[in-house]
Amino acid sequence: MSIAFFSSEGRLGRAPFIVRCVLLAALVLVVYAASHTFFGHWHHGNHQPLGYFVALVTALLCCFVLLMQLVKRLKDAGKHPFLSILLLVPGVNCLLVLYAAALPSKR
């Protein structure tokens, strides 16, 4: 069975959803720290904005992957996948991810 992170097909249980959310957040933090350190100590000028750009692109990619995982999780819990549009609302997005992580699966 292949694991498709960029696909919304299939279902996803609670534990894999939580693990994937934590791994995505960790990836963004690691890329931010590495790019901030690398571009912040460049010897030929200040290239710090490039480090922020790399971190921002990584964060956007991880948000897309999180959206796909959220759609899978909502389908597994028996909720309508259209609820995932709330991921775009600041503040509500964190509550939505916690809500999806707490929902029991319906088979």
N, C-alpha and C. Protein backbone atom coordinates (compact mmCIF):
# COMPACT_ATOMS: atom_id res chain seq x y z
N MET A 1 0.84 -1.18 0.00
CA MET A 1 0.00 0.00 0.00
C MET A 1 0.88 1.24 0.00
N SER A 2 0.67 2.11 -0.93
CA SER A 2 1.48 3.32 -1.00
C SER A 2 0.86 4.43 -0.16
N ILE A 3 1.70 5.25 0.41
CA ILE A 3 1.25 6.38 1.21
C ILE A 3 1.34 7.62 0.34
N ALA A 4 0.20 8.21 0.03
CA ALA A 4 0.16 9.39 -0.82
C ALA A 4 -0.12 10.62 0.05
N PHE A 5 0.88 11.42 0.28
CA PHE A 5 0.71 12.62 1.10
C PHE A 5 0.02 13.73 0.32
N PHE A 6 0.13 13.74 -0.99
CA PHE A 6 -0.44 14.81 -1.80
C PHE A 6 -1.80 14.46 -2.38
N SER A 7 -2.43 13.42 -1.86
CA SER A 7 -3.72 12.98 -2.36
C SER A 7 -4.74 13.00 -1.24
N SER A 8 -5.98 13.30 -1.58
CA SER A 8 -7.04 13.29 -0.58
C SER A 8 -7.86 12.00 -0.65
N GLU A 9 -7.41 11.04 -1.41
CA GLU A 9 -8.11 9.76 -1.55
C GLU A 9 -7.84 8.89 -0.32
N GLY A 10 -8.86 8.19 0.10
CA GLY A 10 -8.71 7.26 1.21
C GLY A 10 -9.11 7.86 2.54
N ARG A 11 -8.78 7.12 3.58
CA ARG A 11 -9.13 7.52 4.94
C ARG A 11 -7.86 7.53 5.79
N LEU A 12 -7.96 8.22 6.92
CA LEU A 12 -6.81 8.34 7.80
C LEU A 12 -7.29 8.31 9.24
N GLY A 13 -6.71 7.41 10.04
CA GLY A 13 -7.10 7.29 11.44
C GLY A 13 -6.51 8.40 12.30
N ARG A 14 -6.88 8.37 13.57
CA ARG A 14 -6.44 9.42 14.50
C ARG A 14 -4.94 9.43 14.69
N ALA A 15 -4.37 8.28 15.02
CA ALA A 15 -2.93 8.23 15.32
C ALA A 15 -2.07 8.65 14.13
N PRO A 16 -2.31 8.13 12.92
CA PRO A 16 -1.50 8.58 11.79
C PRO A 16 -1.69 10.07 11.49
N PHE A 17 -2.90 10.58 11.71
CA PHE A 17 -3.15 12.01 11.48
C PHE A 17 -2.33 12.86 12.44
N ILE A 18 -2.31 12.48 13.71
CA ILE A 18 -1.55 13.25 14.70
C ILE A 18 -0.06 13.17 14.39
N VAL A 19 0.42 11.98 14.03
CA VAL A 19 1.85 11.82 13.71
C VAL A 19 2.23 12.68 12.51
N ARG A 20 1.38 12.68 11.48
CA ARG A 20 1.68 13.47 10.29
C ARG A 20 1.64 14.96 10.57
N CYS A 21 0.71 15.41 11.42
CA CYS A 21 0.67 16.83 11.78
C CYS A 21 1.92 17.25 12.53
N VAL A 22 2.35 16.42 13.45
CA VAL A 22 3.57 16.72 14.22
C VAL A 22 4.79 16.72 13.30
N LEU A 23 4.87 15.75 12.39
CA LEU A 23 6.01 15.70 11.47
C LEU A 23 6.03 16.91 10.52
N LEU A 24 4.87 17.34 10.06
CA LEU A 24 4.82 18.52 9.19
C LEU A 24 5.26 19.78 9.94
N ALA A 25 4.80 19.92 11.17
CA ALA A 25 5.20 21.08 11.97
C ALA A 25 6.70 21.04 12.25
N ALA A 26 7.22 19.86 12.54
CA ALA A 26 8.66 19.73 12.79
C ALA A 26 9.47 20.04 11.54
N LEU A 27 8.98 19.62 10.38
CA LEU A 27 9.67 19.91 9.13
C LEU A 27 9.77 21.41 8.89
N VAL A 28 8.68 22.12 9.13
CA VAL A 28 8.70 23.58 8.95
C VAL A 28 9.70 24.22 9.92
N LEU A 29 9.70 23.79 11.16
CA LEU A 29 10.62 24.37 12.14
C LEU A 29 12.09 24.07 11.80
N VAL A 30 12.36 22.86 11.35
CA VAL A 30 13.74 22.50 11.00
C VAL A 30 14.21 23.29 9.78
N VAL A 31 13.35 23.41 8.77
CA VAL A 31 13.73 24.17 7.57
C VAL A 31 13.91 25.64 7.91
N TYR A 32 13.05 26.18 8.77
CA TYR A 32 13.21 27.58 9.18
C TYR A 32 14.53 27.78 9.91
N ALA A 33 14.83 26.91 10.86
CA ALA A 33 16.07 27.07 11.62
C ALA A 33 17.29 26.92 10.72
N ALA A 34 17.26 25.95 9.82
CA ALA A 34 18.40 25.73 8.94
C ALA A 34 18.58 26.88 7.96
N SER A 35 17.49 27.36 7.36
CA SER A 35 17.62 28.45 6.40
C SER A 35 17.97 29.77 7.09
N HIS A 36 17.45 29.97 8.29
CA HIS A 36 17.78 31.18 9.04
C HIS A 36 19.27 31.19 9.40
N THR A 37 19.78 30.05 9.81
CA THR A 37 21.20 29.96 10.16
C THR A 37 22.08 30.06 8.92
N PHE A 38 21.70 29.36 7.85
CA PHE A 38 22.52 29.34 6.64
C PHE A 38 22.58 30.72 5.98
N PHE A 39 21.44 31.31 5.72
CA PHE A 39 21.42 32.58 5.01
C PHE A 39 21.73 33.76 5.92
N GLY A 40 21.59 33.59 7.23
CA GLY A 40 21.91 34.67 8.16
C GLY A 40 23.41 34.86 8.34
N HIS A 41 24.19 33.84 8.05
CA HIS A 41 25.64 33.92 8.22
C HIS A 41 26.37 33.86 6.88
N TRP A 42 25.74 34.35 5.85
CA TRP A 42 26.35 34.40 4.53
C TRP A 42 27.45 35.45 4.55
N HIS A 43 28.61 35.16 3.98
CA HIS A 43 29.76 36.05 4.08
C HIS A 43 29.74 37.21 3.09
N HIS A 44 28.91 37.13 2.08
CA HIS A 44 28.93 38.15 1.04
C HIS A 44 27.68 39.02 1.05
N GLY A 45 27.25 39.44 2.20
CA GLY A 45 26.07 40.31 2.30
C GLY A 45 24.98 39.67 3.13
N ASN A 46 23.92 40.42 3.26
CA ASN A 46 22.79 39.97 4.05
C ASN A 46 21.76 39.31 3.15
N HIS A 47 21.61 38.01 3.28
CA HIS A 47 20.64 37.27 2.48
C HIS A 47 19.57 36.66 3.38
N GLN A 48 19.29 37.31 4.51
CA GLN A 48 18.30 36.79 5.45
C GLN A 48 16.91 36.66 4.84
N PRO A 49 16.45 37.61 4.00
CA PRO A 49 15.13 37.43 3.40
C PRO A 49 15.01 36.15 2.56
N LEU A 50 16.10 35.69 1.99
CA LEU A 50 16.06 34.44 1.24
C LEU A 50 15.78 33.26 2.16
N GLY A 51 16.30 33.32 3.36
CA GLY A 51 16.01 32.28 4.36
C GLY A 51 14.54 32.26 4.73
N TYR A 52 13.97 33.45 4.90
CA TYR A 52 12.54 33.53 5.20
C TYR A 52 11.70 33.02 4.04
N PHE A 53 12.14 33.28 2.82
CA PHE A 53 11.42 32.82 1.64
C PHE A 53 11.42 31.30 1.56
N VAL A 54 12.56 30.68 1.82
CA VAL A 54 12.65 29.22 1.80
C VAL A 54 11.74 28.63 2.87
N ALA A 55 11.73 29.23 4.04
CA ALA A 55 10.87 28.74 5.12
C ALA A 55 9.39 28.94 4.77
N LEU A 56 9.05 30.04 4.13
CA LEU A 56 7.67 30.31 3.75
C LEU A 56 7.19 29.32 2.68
N VAL A 57 8.02 29.04 1.70
CA VAL A 57 7.64 28.06 0.67
C VAL A 57 7.44 26.68 1.30
N THR A 58 8.30 26.31 2.22
CA THR A 58 8.15 25.03 2.91
C THR A 58 6.87 25.00 3.73
N ALA A 59 6.56 26.10 4.41
CA ALA A 59 5.34 26.16 5.21
C ALA A 59 4.09 26.06 4.33
N LEU A 60 4.11 26.70 3.18
CA LEU A 60 2.96 26.61 2.27
C LEU A 60 2.77 25.20 1.73
N LEU A 61 3.87 24.54 1.40
CA LEU A 61 3.80 23.16 0.94
C LEU A 61 3.26 22.25 2.05
N CYS A 62 3.71 22.47 3.27
CA CYS A 62 3.23 21.66 4.40
C CYS A 62 1.76 21.94 4.70
N CYS A 63 1.31 23.18 4.48
CA CYS A 63 -0.11 23.50 4.66
C CYS A 63 -0.96 22.76 3.63
N PHE A 64 -0.46 22.65 2.41
CA PHE A 64 -1.19 21.90 1.39
C PHE A 64 -1.27 20.43 1.77
N VAL A 65 -0.17 19.86 2.25
CA VAL A 65 -0.17 18.46 2.66
C VAL A 65 -1.10 18.27 3.86
N LEU A 66 -1.10 19.21 4.80
CA LEU A 66 -1.99 19.14 5.94
C LEU A 66 -3.45 19.19 5.50
N LEU A 67 -3.75 19.98 4.50
CA LEU A 67 -5.11 20.05 3.97
C LEU A 67 -5.54 18.70 3.42
N MET A 68 -4.66 18.04 2.69
CA MET A 68 -4.99 16.72 2.15
C MET A 68 -5.19 15.69 3.27
N GLN A 69 -4.36 15.76 4.32
CA GLN A 69 -4.50 14.84 5.44
C GLN A 69 -5.79 15.12 6.21
N LEU A 70 -6.16 16.40 6.30
CA LEU A 70 -7.38 16.77 7.00
C LEU A 70 -8.62 16.26 6.25
N VAL A 71 -8.59 16.32 4.94
CA VAL A 71 -9.71 15.80 4.15
C VAL A 71 -9.85 14.30 4.38
N LYS A 72 -8.73 13.59 4.40
CA LYS A 72 -8.77 12.15 4.67
C LYS A 72 -9.34 11.86 6.06
N ARG A 73 -8.89 12.65 7.03
CA ARG A 73 -9.33 12.44 8.41
C ARG A 73 -10.81 12.73 8.57
N LEU A 74 -11.30 13.79 7.94
CA LEU A 74 -12.72 14.11 8.04
C LEU A 74 -13.58 13.04 7.38
N LYS A 75 -13.10 12.48 6.27
CA LYS A 75 -13.83 11.38 5.62
C LYS A 75 -13.87 10.16 6.54
N ASP A 76 -12.76 9.89 7.22
CA ASP A 76 -12.70 8.74 8.12
C ASP A 76 -13.63 8.91 9.31
N ALA A 77 -13.83 10.14 9.76
CA ALA A 77 -14.69 10.41 10.91
C ALA A 77 -16.16 10.54 10.52
N GLY A 78 -16.46 10.48 9.25
CA GLY A 78 -17.84 10.57 8.81
C GLY A 78 -18.34 12.00 8.66
N LYS A 79 -17.45 12.95 8.66
CA LYS A 79 -17.82 14.36 8.47
C LYS A 79 -17.62 14.74 7.01
N HIS A 80 -18.24 15.83 6.62
CA HIS A 80 -18.13 16.27 5.23
C HIS A 80 -16.75 16.90 5.00
N PRO A 81 -16.04 16.49 3.95
CA PRO A 81 -14.70 17.03 3.69
C PRO A 81 -14.69 18.54 3.41
N PHE A 82 -15.86 19.11 3.12
CA PHE A 82 -15.93 20.55 2.86
C PHE A 82 -15.57 21.38 4.09
N LEU A 83 -15.62 20.76 5.27
CA LEU A 83 -15.22 21.45 6.50
C LEU A 83 -13.75 21.86 6.47
N SER A 84 -12.98 21.22 5.61
CA SER A 84 -11.55 21.53 5.54
C SER A 84 -11.29 22.95 5.03
N ILE A 85 -12.29 23.60 4.46
CA ILE A 85 -12.11 24.98 4.00
C ILE A 85 -11.88 25.91 5.20
N LEU A 86 -12.30 25.47 6.38
CA LEU A 86 -12.06 26.28 7.59
C LEU A 86 -10.58 26.34 7.96
N LEU A 87 -9.76 25.54 7.31
CA LEU A 87 -8.32 25.59 7.54
C LEU A 87 -7.74 26.93 7.08
N LEU A 88 -8.44 27.63 6.23
CA LEU A 88 -7.98 28.93 5.72
C LEU A 88 -8.30 30.09 6.66
N VAL A 89 -9.13 29.85 7.68
CA VAL A 89 -9.53 30.91 8.61
C VAL A 89 -8.55 30.93 9.78
N PRO A 90 -7.84 32.04 9.98
CA PRO A 90 -6.88 32.11 11.09
C PRO A 90 -7.57 31.93 12.44
N GLY A 91 -6.95 31.17 13.30
CA GLY A 91 -7.51 30.90 14.62
C GLY A 91 -8.41 29.68 14.63
N VAL A 92 -9.30 29.61 13.66
CA VAL A 92 -10.20 28.47 13.56
C VAL A 92 -9.43 27.24 13.08
N ASN A 93 -8.36 27.47 12.31
CA ASN A 93 -7.61 26.34 11.75
C ASN A 93 -7.00 25.46 12.84
N CYS A 94 -6.47 26.06 13.88
CA CYS A 94 -5.89 25.26 14.97
C CYS A 94 -6.98 24.45 15.67
N LEU A 95 -8.13 25.08 15.89
CA LEU A 95 -9.24 24.37 16.53
C LEU A 95 -9.75 23.23 15.64
N LEU A 96 -9.76 23.45 14.34
CA LEU A 96 -10.22 22.42 13.41
C LEU A 96 -9.29 21.21 13.42
N VAL A 97 -7.99 21.45 13.45
CA VAL A 97 -7.03 20.33 13.48
C VAL A 97 -7.17 19.56 14.80
N LEU A 98 -7.35 20.26 15.91
CA LEU A 98 -7.55 19.57 17.19
C LEU A 98 -8.87 18.81 17.21
N TYR A 99 -9.90 19.39 16.61
CA TYR A 99 -11.20 18.72 16.51
C TYR A 99 -11.08 17.44 15.67
N ALA A 100 -10.39 17.53 14.56
CA ALA A 100 -10.21 16.36 13.69
C ALA A 100 -9.38 15.28 14.38
N ALA A 101 -8.42 15.70 15.19
CA ALA A 101 -7.59 14.72 15.90
C ALA A 101 -8.37 14.02 17.01
N ALA A 102 -9.42 14.68 17.53
CA ALA A 102 -10.19 14.09 18.62
C ALA A 102 -11.37 13.26 18.15
N LEU A 103 -11.79 13.41 16.91
CA LEU A 103 -12.95 12.69 16.41
C LEU A 103 -12.69 11.19 16.34
N PRO A 104 -13.66 10.38 16.76
CA PRO A 104 -13.50 8.93 16.60
C PRO A 104 -13.76 8.52 15.15
N SER A 105 -13.16 7.43 14.74
CA SER A 105 -13.34 6.94 13.39
C SER A 105 -14.67 6.21 13.25
N LYS A 106 -15.25 6.33 12.07
CA LYS A 106 -16.47 5.59 11.75
C LYS A 106 -16.16 4.69 10.57
N ARG A 107 -16.30 3.42 10.73
CA ARG A 107 -15.99 2.48 9.66
C ARG A 107 -17.25 1.98 9.02
